[in-house]
Amino acid sequence: MQPVIKHYVAFDSPGTFFCETTKQPISAWDSELACAMAQKIEERYGAKPFRFYFTTVQTTNPVKLNDGTELRVEEKQTARSGSYYLGGVIKRYEEIPDDAAHTILRSNMRGSGWWIVCETTTPWRSVNEFETEDLQVDPQNGRVLLRGDAPDLVAYRARKSAERDAEYPSTPSCPASSGRRTAKEDP
């Protein structure tokens, strides 16, 4: 039985407590096509997608059992892209104002190691970590504007993590965190 390969694109829009996610099939990991698809999505309260990501899954056609019934085989995710942010503003930790309105954001960024974030308004404000595998794209055509693995951003993250870890050294009961999840920790 030959495996069936499928591609999906998932669009995240700001939600009340969590992102609203719309997942749709797509022929390939094509950011230009995904940007066009994003323009047609509207979630509750007029929220529009602020980012998307691609997944590839493998499955097989249903298996026919001896009694004539069919057993559907669940899809298995085999690949996932980073996030493609639809425009927005990329901000480093120092660019977040050190005032009462941003105290919680700055504290969360420092504690979690989110040294670079992408702030979007589609039309609701959303601030999310801009990771090494992420891309900022032009929402009109999918053209890459900034890569999360740009050398200056990688160096900045490493420098800020080292500064934080020097200020708060690890102890056996409270190890310092890089703020990053490993593949084993991801759900």
N, C-alpha and C. Protein backbone atom coordinates (compact mmCIF):
# COMPACT_ATOMS: atom_id res chain seq x y z
N MET A 1 0.85 -1.18 0.00
CA MET A 1 0.00 0.00 0.00
C MET A 1 0.89 1.24 0.00
N GLN A 2 0.70 2.11 -0.97
CA GLN A 2 1.51 3.31 -1.12
C GLN A 2 1.06 4.39 -0.14
N PRO A 3 2.02 5.08 0.48
CA PRO A 3 1.64 6.18 1.36
C PRO A 3 1.08 7.35 0.55
N VAL A 4 0.21 8.10 1.16
CA VAL A 4 -0.37 9.29 0.56
C VAL A 4 0.23 10.49 1.29
N ILE A 5 0.84 11.40 0.56
CA ILE A 5 1.45 12.60 1.14
C ILE A 5 0.51 13.78 0.90
N LYS A 6 0.22 14.52 1.97
CA LYS A 6 -0.66 15.69 1.87
C LYS A 6 0.04 16.88 2.54
N HIS A 7 -0.26 18.07 2.03
CA HIS A 7 0.28 19.30 2.59
C HIS A 7 -0.89 20.15 3.09
N TYR A 8 -0.67 20.83 4.21
CA TYR A 8 -1.66 21.72 4.78
C TYR A 8 -1.00 23.04 5.14
N VAL A 9 -1.81 24.08 5.21
CA VAL A 9 -1.37 25.36 5.75
C VAL A 9 -2.35 25.70 6.86
N ALA A 10 -1.81 26.12 8.01
CA ALA A 10 -2.63 26.50 9.16
C ALA A 10 -2.44 27.98 9.41
N PHE A 11 -3.55 28.70 9.51
CA PHE A 11 -3.54 30.14 9.72
C PHE A 11 -3.93 30.44 11.15
N ASP A 12 -3.13 31.23 11.86
CA ASP A 12 -3.44 31.63 13.23
C ASP A 12 -3.92 33.07 13.23
N SER A 13 -5.05 33.29 13.90
CA SER A 13 -5.61 34.62 14.08
C SER A 13 -5.73 34.87 15.58
N PRO A 14 -5.68 36.14 16.02
CA PRO A 14 -5.82 36.40 17.46
C PRO A 14 -7.17 35.90 17.96
N GLY A 15 -7.15 35.25 19.13
CA GLY A 15 -8.37 34.76 19.77
C GLY A 15 -8.50 35.35 21.16
N THR A 16 -9.52 34.93 21.88
CA THR A 16 -9.75 35.46 23.22
C THR A 16 -8.66 35.02 24.18
N PHE A 17 -8.40 33.71 24.29
CA PHE A 17 -7.34 33.20 25.14
C PHE A 17 -6.23 32.54 24.33
N PHE A 18 -6.60 31.92 23.23
CA PHE A 18 -5.67 31.21 22.37
C PHE A 18 -5.93 31.62 20.93
N CYS A 19 -4.99 31.28 20.07
CA CYS A 19 -5.17 31.58 18.65
C CYS A 19 -6.36 30.82 18.09
N GLU A 20 -7.05 31.45 17.16
CA GLU A 20 -8.04 30.76 16.34
C GLU A 20 -7.25 30.20 15.16
N THR A 21 -7.39 28.91 14.86
CA THR A 21 -6.61 28.30 13.79
C THR A 21 -7.53 27.71 12.73
N THR A 22 -7.24 28.07 11.49
CA THR A 22 -7.94 27.52 10.34
C THR A 22 -6.92 26.74 9.52
N LYS A 23 -7.19 25.45 9.30
CA LYS A 23 -6.27 24.58 8.55
C LYS A 23 -6.90 24.23 7.22
N GLN A 24 -6.13 24.39 6.13
CA GLN A 24 -6.64 24.10 4.79
C GLN A 24 -5.60 23.32 4.00
N PRO A 25 -6.06 22.45 3.10
CA PRO A 25 -5.10 21.75 2.23
C PRO A 25 -4.46 22.73 1.25
N ILE A 26 -3.23 22.42 0.87
CA ILE A 26 -2.50 23.25 -0.09
C ILE A 26 -1.64 22.30 -0.93
N SER A 27 -1.39 22.64 -2.18
CA SER A 27 -0.67 21.74 -3.09
C SER A 27 0.80 21.59 -2.72
N ALA A 28 1.40 22.62 -2.15
CA ALA A 28 2.83 22.59 -1.78
C ALA A 28 3.07 23.71 -0.78
N TRP A 29 4.25 23.72 -0.18
CA TRP A 29 4.61 24.80 0.75
C TRP A 29 4.92 26.05 -0.08
N ASP A 30 3.89 26.81 -0.37
CA ASP A 30 3.97 27.96 -1.27
C ASP A 30 3.49 29.20 -0.51
N SER A 31 4.43 30.07 -0.10
CA SER A 31 4.05 31.23 0.71
C SER A 31 3.22 32.24 -0.07
N GLU A 32 3.43 32.36 -1.37
CA GLU A 32 2.63 33.29 -2.17
C GLU A 32 1.16 32.84 -2.19
N LEU A 33 0.94 31.56 -2.41
CA LEU A 33 -0.43 31.02 -2.41
C LEU A 33 -1.05 31.14 -1.02
N ALA A 34 -0.27 30.85 0.02
CA ALA A 34 -0.79 30.92 1.39
C ALA A 34 -1.19 32.35 1.75
N CYS A 35 -0.42 33.34 1.29
CA CYS A 35 -0.78 34.74 1.56
C CYS A 35 -2.10 35.10 0.88
N ALA A 36 -2.31 34.61 -0.32
CA ALA A 36 -3.58 34.86 -1.03
C ALA A 36 -4.73 34.19 -0.27
N MET A 37 -4.50 32.98 0.23
CA MET A 37 -5.53 32.27 1.00
C MET A 37 -5.84 33.01 2.30
N ALA A 38 -4.82 33.57 2.94
CA ALA A 38 -4.99 34.26 4.23
C ALA A 38 -5.92 35.47 4.09
N GLN A 39 -5.88 36.12 2.95
CA GLN A 39 -6.69 37.32 2.75
C GLN A 39 -8.19 37.00 2.75
N LYS A 40 -8.55 35.74 2.54
CA LYS A 40 -9.96 35.34 2.48
C LYS A 40 -10.49 34.83 3.82
N ILE A 41 -9.62 34.77 4.84
CA ILE A 41 -10.03 34.20 6.13
C ILE A 41 -10.39 35.32 7.10
N GLU A 42 -11.52 35.16 7.76
CA GLU A 42 -11.91 36.06 8.83
C GLU A 42 -12.49 35.22 9.95
N GLU A 43 -11.93 35.39 11.14
CA GLU A 43 -12.39 34.65 12.32
C GLU A 43 -13.38 35.50 13.11
N ARG A 44 -13.72 35.01 14.28
CA ARG A 44 -14.66 35.74 15.13
C ARG A 44 -14.16 37.17 15.40
N TYR A 45 -15.08 38.07 15.55
CA TYR A 45 -14.81 39.48 15.87
C TYR A 45 -13.94 40.16 14.82
N GLY A 46 -13.94 39.64 13.61
CA GLY A 46 -13.20 40.26 12.52
C GLY A 46 -11.71 40.01 12.53
N ALA A 47 -11.24 39.09 13.35
CA ALA A 47 -9.80 38.80 13.40
C ALA A 47 -9.34 38.18 12.09
N LYS A 48 -8.19 38.60 11.63
CA LYS A 48 -7.58 38.09 10.41
C LYS A 48 -6.27 37.40 10.79
N PRO A 49 -5.80 36.47 9.97
CA PRO A 49 -4.55 35.77 10.28
C PRO A 49 -3.36 36.72 10.42
N PHE A 50 -2.52 36.44 11.43
CA PHE A 50 -1.29 37.18 11.61
C PHE A 50 -0.07 36.33 11.23
N ARG A 51 -0.28 35.00 11.10
CA ARG A 51 0.81 34.11 10.70
C ARG A 51 0.22 32.82 10.16
N PHE A 52 1.08 32.05 9.49
CA PHE A 52 0.69 30.72 9.04
C PHE A 52 1.90 29.82 9.10
N TYR A 53 1.67 28.54 9.02
CA TYR A 53 2.75 27.55 8.94
C TYR A 53 2.25 26.37 8.12
N PHE A 54 3.21 25.66 7.55
CA PHE A 54 2.90 24.50 6.72
C PHE A 54 3.17 23.21 7.48
N THR A 55 2.40 22.17 7.14
CA THR A 55 2.68 20.83 7.63
C THR A 55 2.56 19.86 6.46
N THR A 56 3.30 18.78 6.56
CA THR A 56 3.19 17.68 5.61
C THR A 56 2.83 16.45 6.42
N VAL A 57 1.85 15.70 5.94
CA VAL A 57 1.41 14.49 6.63
C VAL A 57 1.49 13.31 5.67
N GLN A 58 1.59 12.14 6.26
CA GLN A 58 1.60 10.90 5.48
C GLN A 58 0.47 10.03 6.02
N THR A 59 -0.22 9.40 5.12
CA THR A 59 -1.29 8.48 5.49
C THR A 59 -1.40 7.43 4.39
N THR A 60 -2.37 6.59 4.49
CA THR A 60 -2.67 5.64 3.42
C THR A 60 -4.16 5.69 3.19
N ASN A 61 -4.58 5.12 2.10
CA ASN A 61 -6.01 5.01 1.86
C ASN A 61 -6.61 4.06 2.90
N PRO A 62 -7.90 4.13 3.14
CA PRO A 62 -8.51 3.22 4.13
C PRO A 62 -8.20 1.75 3.82
N VAL A 63 -8.03 0.99 4.87
CA VAL A 63 -7.73 -0.44 4.75
C VAL A 63 -9.04 -1.22 4.84
N LYS A 64 -9.29 -2.09 3.87
CA LYS A 64 -10.50 -2.91 3.88
C LYS A 64 -10.25 -4.15 4.74
N LEU A 65 -11.09 -4.33 5.76
CA LEU A 65 -10.97 -5.48 6.65
C LEU A 65 -11.70 -6.69 6.07
N ASN A 66 -11.46 -7.86 6.64
CA ASN A 66 -12.07 -9.10 6.16
C ASN A 66 -13.59 -9.06 6.19
N ASP A 67 -14.15 -8.32 7.15
CA ASP A 67 -15.61 -8.27 7.24
C ASP A 67 -16.22 -7.22 6.31
N GLY A 68 -15.37 -6.57 5.48
CA GLY A 68 -15.87 -5.60 4.51
C GLY A 68 -15.86 -4.17 5.00
N THR A 69 -15.65 -3.96 6.28
CA THR A 69 -15.60 -2.59 6.79
C THR A 69 -14.24 -1.98 6.46
N GLU A 70 -14.21 -0.65 6.47
CA GLU A 70 -12.96 0.05 6.18
C GLU A 70 -12.40 0.65 7.46
N LEU A 71 -11.10 0.55 7.60
CA LEU A 71 -10.39 1.13 8.73
C LEU A 71 -9.63 2.35 8.21
N ARG A 72 -9.99 3.51 8.74
CA ARG A 72 -9.33 4.74 8.32
C ARG A 72 -8.00 4.86 9.06
N VAL A 73 -6.94 5.14 8.33
CA VAL A 73 -5.61 5.30 8.91
C VAL A 73 -5.39 6.78 9.22
N GLU A 74 -5.04 7.07 10.46
CA GLU A 74 -4.81 8.46 10.87
C GLU A 74 -3.57 9.02 10.18
N GLU A 75 -3.61 10.31 9.92
CA GLU A 75 -2.47 10.98 9.32
C GLU A 75 -1.35 11.12 10.36
N LYS A 76 -0.11 11.06 9.88
CA LYS A 76 1.04 11.28 10.74
C LYS A 76 1.81 12.46 10.18
N GLN A 77 2.02 13.47 11.02
CA GLN A 77 2.78 14.64 10.59
C GLN A 77 4.24 14.26 10.42
N THR A 78 4.80 14.57 9.25
CA THR A 78 6.19 14.24 8.96
C THR A 78 7.08 15.48 8.87
N ALA A 79 6.48 16.66 8.72
CA ALA A 79 7.27 17.90 8.63
C ALA A 79 6.40 19.09 9.01
N ARG A 80 7.05 20.11 9.59
CA ARG A 80 6.36 21.35 9.95
C ARG A 80 7.33 22.50 9.73
N SER A 81 6.84 23.54 9.09
CA SER A 81 7.68 24.72 8.86
C SER A 81 7.69 25.59 10.11
N GLY A 82 8.54 26.60 10.08
CA GLY A 82 8.45 27.65 11.08
C GLY A 82 7.23 28.50 10.75
N SER A 83 7.03 29.55 11.53
CA SER A 83 5.90 30.45 11.29
C SER A 83 6.27 31.50 10.25
N TYR A 84 5.31 31.82 9.40
CA TYR A 84 5.44 32.89 8.42
C TYR A 84 4.56 34.04 8.93
N TYR A 85 5.18 35.10 9.43
CA TYR A 85 4.42 36.24 9.95
C TYR A 85 4.04 37.15 8.81
N LEU A 86 2.77 37.50 8.76
CA LEU A 86 2.22 38.34 7.69
C LEU A 86 2.49 39.81 8.04
N GLY A 87 3.65 40.29 7.63
CA GLY A 87 4.04 41.66 7.96
C GLY A 87 4.38 41.76 9.43
N GLY A 88 3.80 42.73 10.08
CA GLY A 88 4.09 42.96 11.49
C GLY A 88 5.38 43.74 11.66
N VAL A 89 5.72 43.94 12.92
CA VAL A 89 6.94 44.67 13.26
C VAL A 89 7.80 43.76 14.13
N ILE A 90 9.03 43.53 13.71
CA ILE A 90 9.96 42.72 14.48
C ILE A 90 10.62 43.65 15.50
N LYS A 91 10.58 43.23 16.78
CA LYS A 91 11.15 44.06 17.85
C LYS A 91 12.09 43.23 18.71
N ARG A 92 13.23 43.82 19.03
CA ARG A 92 14.16 43.23 19.98
C ARG A 92 13.74 43.66 21.39
N TYR A 93 14.23 42.94 22.37
CA TYR A 93 13.86 43.21 23.77
C TYR A 93 14.05 44.69 24.12
N GLU A 94 15.17 45.29 23.74
CA GLU A 94 15.44 46.70 24.07
C GLU A 94 14.46 47.66 23.42
N GLU A 95 13.79 47.22 22.36
CA GLU A 95 12.85 48.10 21.66
C GLU A 95 11.47 48.13 22.31
N ILE A 96 11.24 47.26 23.27
CA ILE A 96 9.97 47.27 24.01
C ILE A 96 10.09 48.33 25.09
N PRO A 97 9.21 49.33 25.12
CA PRO A 97 9.34 50.40 26.11
C PRO A 97 9.38 49.86 27.55
N ASP A 98 10.27 50.44 28.35
CA ASP A 98 10.40 50.06 29.75
C ASP A 98 9.48 50.96 30.58
N ASP A 99 8.17 50.69 30.43
CA ASP A 99 7.18 51.48 31.16
C ASP A 99 6.10 50.56 31.72
N ALA A 100 5.18 51.13 32.47
CA ALA A 100 4.15 50.32 33.15
C ALA A 100 3.30 49.52 32.17
N ALA A 101 3.04 50.07 30.99
CA ALA A 101 2.18 49.39 30.01
C ALA A 101 2.84 48.14 29.43
N HIS A 102 4.16 48.04 29.52
CA HIS A 102 4.87 46.92 28.90
C HIS A 102 5.61 46.05 29.91
N THR A 103 5.37 46.26 31.20
CA THR A 103 6.07 45.52 32.25
C THR A 103 5.90 44.01 32.11
N ILE A 104 4.67 43.56 31.91
CA ILE A 104 4.42 42.11 31.83
C ILE A 104 5.07 41.53 30.58
N LEU A 105 4.94 42.22 29.44
CA LEU A 105 5.55 41.73 28.21
C LEU A 105 7.06 41.61 28.38
N ARG A 106 7.71 42.64 28.91
CA ARG A 106 9.17 42.60 29.09
C ARG A 106 9.57 41.48 30.05
N SER A 107 8.82 41.32 31.13
CA SER A 107 9.12 40.26 32.10
C SER A 107 8.98 38.88 31.46
N ASN A 108 7.91 38.68 30.70
CA ASN A 108 7.69 37.40 30.02
C ASN A 108 8.79 37.14 28.98
N MET A 109 9.17 38.16 28.25
CA MET A 109 10.22 38.00 27.25
C MET A 109 11.53 37.60 27.91
N ARG A 110 11.90 38.30 28.98
CA ARG A 110 13.16 38.02 29.67
C ARG A 110 13.14 36.62 30.30
N GLY A 111 12.05 36.29 30.99
CA GLY A 111 11.97 35.00 31.66
C GLY A 111 11.91 33.82 30.71
N SER A 112 11.31 34.00 29.55
CA SER A 112 11.16 32.90 28.59
C SER A 112 12.25 32.88 27.53
N GLY A 113 13.10 33.89 27.52
CA GLY A 113 14.14 33.95 26.49
C GLY A 113 13.60 34.35 25.13
N TRP A 114 12.50 35.10 25.12
CA TRP A 114 11.93 35.59 23.86
C TRP A 114 12.58 36.93 23.57
N TRP A 115 13.78 36.92 23.05
CA TRP A 115 14.53 38.16 22.87
C TRP A 115 14.06 38.94 21.65
N ILE A 116 13.38 38.28 20.75
CA ILE A 116 12.88 38.95 19.54
C ILE A 116 11.43 38.52 19.35
N VAL A 117 10.55 39.49 19.12
CA VAL A 117 9.13 39.20 18.93
C VAL A 117 8.64 39.85 17.64
N CYS A 118 7.49 39.35 17.18
CA CYS A 118 6.81 39.97 16.05
C CYS A 118 5.47 40.48 16.57
N GLU A 119 5.25 41.77 16.43
CA GLU A 119 3.99 42.39 16.85
C GLU A 119 3.15 42.64 15.61
N THR A 120 1.95 42.09 15.60
CA THR A 120 1.05 42.25 14.46
C THR A 120 -0.27 42.86 14.93
N THR A 121 -0.96 43.48 14.00
CA THR A 121 -2.30 44.02 14.26
C THR A 121 -3.16 43.68 13.05
N THR A 122 -4.01 42.66 13.19
CA THR A 122 -4.80 42.17 12.04
C THR A 122 -6.26 41.92 12.41
N PRO A 123 -7.08 42.76 12.84
CA PRO A 123 -6.81 44.09 13.35
C PRO A 123 -6.44 44.09 14.83
N TRP A 124 -6.46 42.94 15.48
CA TRP A 124 -6.14 42.87 16.90
C TRP A 124 -4.66 42.68 17.11
N ARG A 125 -4.13 43.26 18.17
CA ARG A 125 -2.69 43.18 18.48
C ARG A 125 -2.35 41.77 18.96
N SER A 126 -1.23 41.27 18.46
CA SER A 126 -0.71 39.97 18.87
C SER A 126 0.81 40.08 18.89
N VAL A 127 1.41 39.61 19.99
CA VAL A 127 2.87 39.64 20.12
C VAL A 127 3.32 38.21 20.36
N ASN A 128 4.21 37.71 19.49
CA ASN A 128 4.68 36.32 19.56
C ASN A 128 6.18 36.27 19.35
N GLU A 129 6.80 35.23 19.90
CA GLU A 129 8.23 35.05 19.73
C GLU A 129 8.56 34.88 18.25
N PHE A 130 9.62 35.53 17.81
CA PHE A 130 10.13 35.39 16.44
C PHE A 130 11.35 34.48 16.55
N GLU A 131 11.16 33.20 16.22
CA GLU A 131 12.18 32.17 16.42
C GLU A 131 13.09 32.03 15.21
N THR A 132 14.15 31.25 15.38
CA THR A 132 15.14 31.10 14.30
C THR A 132 14.54 30.51 13.03
N GLU A 133 13.52 29.66 13.16
CA GLU A 133 12.94 29.04 11.95
C GLU A 133 11.78 29.85 11.36
N ASP A 134 11.51 31.03 11.92
CA ASP A 134 10.40 31.86 11.46
C ASP A 134 10.83 32.82 10.35
N LEU A 135 9.82 33.30 9.63
CA LEU A 135 10.03 34.26 8.54
C LEU A 135 9.00 35.37 8.66
N GLN A 136 9.41 36.58 8.34
CA GLN A 136 8.48 37.69 8.18
C GLN A 136 8.30 37.84 6.68
N VAL A 137 7.04 37.80 6.21
CA VAL A 137 6.77 37.88 4.77
C VAL A 137 5.85 39.05 4.46
N ASP A 138 5.95 39.51 3.23
CA ASP A 138 5.03 40.54 2.73
C ASP A 138 3.67 39.88 2.57
N PRO A 139 2.64 40.39 3.25
CA PRO A 139 1.32 39.75 3.18
C PRO A 139 0.68 39.76 1.79
N GLN A 140 1.15 40.62 0.92
CA GLN A 140 0.57 40.72 -0.42
C GLN A 140 1.11 39.67 -1.39
N ASN A 141 2.39 39.28 -1.21
CA ASN A 141 2.99 38.39 -2.20
C ASN A 141 3.83 37.24 -1.62
N GLY A 142 3.96 37.18 -0.31
CA GLY A 142 4.71 36.09 0.32
C GLY A 142 6.21 36.23 0.26
N ARG A 143 6.71 37.35 -0.27
CA ARG A 143 8.15 37.56 -0.36
C ARG A 143 8.74 37.69 1.04
N VAL A 144 9.86 37.01 1.26
CA VAL A 144 10.51 37.03 2.58
C VAL A 144 11.13 38.40 2.83
N LEU A 145 10.75 39.01 3.97
CA LEU A 145 11.30 40.30 4.37
C LEU A 145 12.44 40.13 5.37
N LEU A 146 12.29 39.15 6.28
CA LEU A 146 13.31 38.92 7.30
C LEU A 146 13.26 37.46 7.73
N ARG A 147 14.42 36.86 7.89
CA ARG A 147 14.54 35.47 8.34
C ARG A 147 14.92 35.46 9.82
N GLY A 148 14.32 34.57 10.58
CA GLY A 148 14.65 34.45 11.99
C GLY A 148 16.05 33.92 12.23
N ASP A 149 16.64 33.27 11.22
CA ASP A 149 18.00 32.74 11.36
C ASP A 149 19.06 33.68 10.77
N ALA A 150 18.68 34.95 10.57
CA ALA A 150 19.67 35.93 10.10
C ALA A 150 20.80 35.99 11.13
N PRO A 151 22.05 36.03 10.69
CA PRO A 151 23.18 35.97 11.63
C PRO A 151 23.12 37.00 12.77
N ASP A 152 22.69 38.23 12.47
CA ASP A 152 22.62 39.23 13.54
C ASP A 152 21.56 38.88 14.58
N LEU A 153 20.46 38.27 14.16
CA LEU A 153 19.42 37.88 15.12
C LEU A 153 19.85 36.68 15.96
N VAL A 154 20.55 35.73 15.34
CA VAL A 154 21.06 34.57 16.08
C VAL A 154 22.06 35.03 17.12
N ALA A 155 22.97 35.93 16.74
CA ALA A 155 23.98 36.45 17.68
C ALA A 155 23.31 37.23 18.80
N TYR A 156 22.29 38.01 18.47
CA TYR A 156 21.58 38.80 19.48
C TYR A 156 20.92 37.88 20.51
N ARG A 157 20.24 36.85 20.05
CA ARG A 157 19.60 35.91 20.98
C ARG A 157 20.62 35.28 21.92
N ALA A 158 21.75 34.84 21.35
CA ALA A 158 22.79 34.20 22.16
C ALA A 158 23.34 35.18 23.20
N ARG A 159 23.59 36.42 22.79
CA ARG A 159 24.13 37.43 23.71
C ARG A 159 23.16 37.72 24.84
N LYS A 160 21.88 37.90 24.51
CA LYS A 160 20.89 38.22 25.54
C LYS A 160 20.69 37.05 26.50
N SER A 161 20.70 35.82 25.99
CA SER A 161 20.56 34.65 26.86
C SER A 161 21.76 34.55 27.80
N ALA A 162 22.96 34.80 27.28
CA ALA A 162 24.16 34.75 28.12
C ALA A 162 24.11 35.83 29.20
N GLU A 163 23.65 37.02 28.84
CA GLU A 163 23.53 38.11 29.83
C GLU A 163 22.54 37.73 30.93
N ARG A 164 21.40 37.20 30.52
CA ARG A 164 20.39 36.81 31.50
C ARG A 164 20.91 35.68 32.39
N ASP A 165 21.55 34.68 31.77
CA ASP A 165 22.05 33.54 32.54
C ASP A 165 23.17 33.95 33.50
N ALA A 166 23.97 34.97 33.12
CA ALA A 166 25.02 35.46 34.03
C ALA A 166 24.40 36.20 35.21
N GLU A 167 23.31 36.90 34.96
CA GLU A 167 22.63 37.63 36.03
C GLU A 167 21.87 36.69 36.96
N TYR A 168 21.31 35.61 36.42
CA TYR A 168 20.56 34.63 37.19
C TYR A 168 21.17 33.25 36.96
N PRO A 169 22.32 32.96 37.60
CA PRO A 169 22.97 31.66 37.36
C PRO A 169 22.08 30.51 37.80
N SER A 170 22.27 29.37 37.16
CA SER A 170 21.45 28.21 37.47
C SER A 170 21.86 27.62 38.81
N THR A 171 20.90 27.02 39.44
CA THR A 171 21.15 26.28 40.67
C THR A 171 20.53 24.91 40.47
N PRO A 172 20.94 23.90 41.26
CA PRO A 172 20.36 22.57 41.07
C PRO A 172 18.84 22.55 41.17
N SER A 173 18.27 23.43 41.99
CA SER A 173 16.81 23.41 42.15
C SER A 173 16.10 24.27 41.13
N CYS A 174 16.83 25.15 40.45
CA CYS A 174 16.21 26.07 39.50
C CYS A 174 17.15 26.30 38.32
N PRO A 175 17.24 25.33 37.40
CA PRO A 175 18.18 25.49 36.29
C PRO A 175 17.78 26.63 35.37
N ALA A 176 18.79 27.32 34.85
CA ALA A 176 18.53 28.41 33.90
C ALA A 176 17.94 27.81 32.64
N SER A 177 17.05 28.54 32.04
CA SER A 177 16.39 28.06 30.83
C SER A 177 16.81 28.92 29.66
N SER A 178 16.93 28.30 28.51
CA SER A 178 17.18 29.07 27.31
C SER A 178 15.88 29.64 26.76
N GLY A 179 14.76 29.21 27.35
CA GLY A 179 13.46 29.66 26.85
C GLY A 179 12.98 28.86 25.66
N ARG A 180 13.77 27.88 25.22
CA ARG A 180 13.42 27.11 24.04
C ARG A 180 12.95 25.73 24.45
N ARG A 181 11.97 25.22 23.75
CA ARG A 181 11.52 23.85 23.97
C ARG A 181 12.28 22.93 23.04
N THR A 182 12.54 21.75 23.53
CA THR A 182 13.16 20.76 22.66
C THR A 182 12.05 19.96 21.98
N ALA A 183 12.43 19.21 20.96
CA ALA A 183 11.43 18.40 20.24
C ALA A 183 10.75 17.43 21.18
N LYS A 184 11.49 16.92 22.19
CA LYS A 184 10.90 15.96 23.12
C LYS A 184 9.86 16.64 24.02
N GLU A 185 9.99 17.95 24.25
CA GLU A 185 9.06 18.66 25.11
C GLU A 185 7.82 19.14 24.38
N ASP A 186 7.91 19.25 23.06
CA ASP A 186 6.75 19.72 22.29
C ASP A 186 5.62 18.71 22.38
N PRO A 187 4.37 19.21 22.44
CA PRO A 187 3.23 18.28 22.52
C PRO A 187 3.06 17.47 21.25
